[in-house]
Amino acid sequence: MNRRFVVGTMVMAAALFSAQGVYAAPASNLAPLHTASKTKLVKFTLRNDSHATVTVKAGDTQMSLEPGKPMQVALPEGQQIIALQATAAGPAGSVVATVSQEYGGNTVVLQ
C-alpha cells in the first residue's frame, strides 16, 4: 500500500508539471530573423505646386515646402507623410502619402 501511494503521488506530480510545460513560453528569447533586417530608405523628391508654403511631417521631421521648389528626401518604406495644415487636397492632419518603393527616384507633387 505504501509503495502504491508513493508511485501514485509521483505520477500525479509528473502529470501536473508536464501539463504546465506544454503551455509554457519558450526558454530562449531570440528574435526572429526576419525582424532583424534593416528597413529600406526610399529616395525621392517632394514638390509643392500650390501657391502657399505647405508644412508636412514625416516621422519626427517637419519640412516646409516652398511653392514650386523641390526637396530631396530619403524616408523609410511605409512612413506616412502628414499635412500639418489644411491644403486644397485635405484638412490638417490628413495623410498626404505613404512611402513605397514605387516613389524611388520619382517626384511626388503636392497640390
Protein backbone atom coordinates (compact mmCIF):
# COMPACT_ATOMS: atom_id res chain seq x y z
CA MET A 1 0.00 0.00 0.00
CA ASN A 2 2.81 2.37 0.85
CA ARG A 3 4.59 1.75 -2.48
CA ARG A 4 1.39 2.33 -4.44
CA PHE A 5 0.84 5.59 -2.61
CA VAL A 6 4.39 6.86 -3.33
CA VAL A 7 4.27 5.79 -7.01
CA GLY A 8 0.80 7.29 -7.44
CA THR A 9 1.92 10.57 -5.92
CA MET A 10 4.95 10.70 -8.23
CA VAL A 11 2.79 10.00 -11.31
CA MET A 12 0.34 12.73 -10.33
CA ALA A 13 3.16 15.25 -9.76
CA ALA A 14 4.70 14.38 -13.14
CA ALA A 15 1.31 14.82 -14.84
CA LEU A 16 0.81 18.24 -13.24
CA PHE A 17 4.26 19.52 -14.26
CA SER A 18 4.04 18.17 -17.81
CA ALA A 19 0.72 19.96 -18.36
CA GLN A 20 2.33 23.27 -17.38
CA GLY A 21 5.33 22.59 -19.60
CA VAL A 22 3.17 22.15 -22.69
CA TYR A 23 1.73 25.68 -22.38
CA ALA A 24 4.88 27.41 -21.11
CA ALA A 25 6.71 30.11 -23.06
CA PRO A 26 9.92 29.09 -24.84
CA ALA A 27 13.09 29.35 -22.78
CA SER A 28 15.06 31.26 -25.43
CA ASN A 29 14.21 34.85 -26.30
CA LEU A 30 15.91 35.02 -29.68
CA ALA A 31 14.35 37.45 -32.15
CA PRO A 32 13.09 36.02 -35.42
CA LEU A 33 15.49 36.58 -38.30
CA HIS A 34 13.03 38.46 -40.49
CA THR A 35 12.61 41.26 -37.91
CA ALA A 36 16.35 41.89 -37.67
CA SER A 37 16.57 43.19 -41.25
CA LYS A 38 17.01 46.89 -41.96
CA THR A 39 14.19 48.96 -43.39
CA LYS A 40 14.95 50.28 -46.85
CA LEU A 41 15.22 54.02 -47.37
CA VAL A 42 13.42 55.36 -50.42
CA LYS A 43 14.96 58.46 -52.03
CA PHE A 44 12.57 60.70 -53.90
CA THR A 45 11.63 64.35 -54.44
CA LEU A 46 8.74 66.28 -52.90
CA ARG A 47 7.47 69.31 -54.84
CA ASN A 48 4.86 71.85 -53.78
CA ASP A 49 2.77 73.03 -56.77
CA SER A 50 0.33 75.08 -54.69
CA HIS A 51 0.58 78.85 -54.20
CA ALA A 52 1.35 78.72 -50.47
CA THR A 53 4.02 77.16 -48.29
CA VAL A 54 3.00 73.67 -47.12
CA THR A 55 4.31 72.15 -43.90
CA VAL A 56 4.41 68.35 -43.73
CA LYS A 57 5.63 65.87 -41.15
CA ALA A 58 7.36 62.58 -41.86
CA GLY A 59 8.14 60.65 -38.67
CA ASP A 60 9.68 63.18 -36.27
CA THR A 61 10.85 65.52 -39.05
CA GLN A 62 8.89 68.61 -40.07
CA MET A 63 9.50 70.02 -43.55
CA SER A 64 8.34 73.31 -45.05
CA LEU A 65 7.88 73.09 -48.80
CA GLU A 66 8.10 76.42 -50.60
CA PRO A 67 5.84 76.84 -53.67
CA GLY A 68 7.43 75.37 -56.80
CA LYS A 69 10.65 74.28 -55.06
CA PRO A 70 11.59 70.59 -54.98
CA MET A 71 13.05 68.95 -51.87
CA GLN A 72 15.08 65.72 -51.90
CA VAL A 73 14.05 63.31 -49.14
CA ALA A 74 15.04 59.82 -48.01
CA LEU A 75 12.41 58.11 -45.88
CA PRO A 76 11.89 54.51 -44.74
CA GLU A 77 9.36 52.45 -46.66
CA GLY A 78 5.91 52.59 -45.06
CA GLN A 79 6.47 56.03 -43.48
CA GLN A 80 3.45 58.34 -43.72
CA ILE A 81 3.77 61.97 -44.83
CA ILE A 82 1.16 64.05 -42.97
CA ALA A 83 -0.01 67.59 -43.79
CA LEU A 84 0.25 69.82 -40.72
CA GLN A 85 -2.04 72.48 -42.16
CA ALA A 86 -5.13 72.44 -44.33
CA THR A 87 -4.49 72.27 -48.08
CA ALA A 88 -6.67 72.08 -51.16
CA ALA A 89 -6.26 68.30 -51.05
CA GLY A 90 -7.45 67.84 -47.47
CA PRO A 91 -7.64 69.06 -43.87
CA ALA A 92 -4.77 69.40 -41.43
CA GLY A 93 -3.58 66.03 -40.15
CA SER A 94 -4.51 64.17 -43.32
CA VAL A 95 -2.11 61.64 -44.83
CA VAL A 96 -0.57 63.07 -47.99
CA ALA A 97 1.31 59.92 -48.99
CA THR A 98 2.66 56.64 -47.65
CA VAL A 99 6.22 55.97 -48.82
CA SER A 100 6.67 52.91 -51.03
CA GLN A 101 9.41 51.59 -53.32
CA GLU A 102 7.46 52.97 -56.29
CA TYR A 103 8.44 56.50 -55.23
CA GLY A 104 12.16 55.74 -55.59
CA GLY A 105 13.76 58.31 -57.91
CA ASN A 106 10.40 59.93 -58.75
CA THR A 107 8.79 63.24 -57.84
CA VAL A 108 5.74 63.40 -55.56
CA VAL A 109 3.75 66.56 -56.31
CA LEU A 110 1.62 68.25 -53.64
CA GLN A 111 -1.16 70.46 -54.99
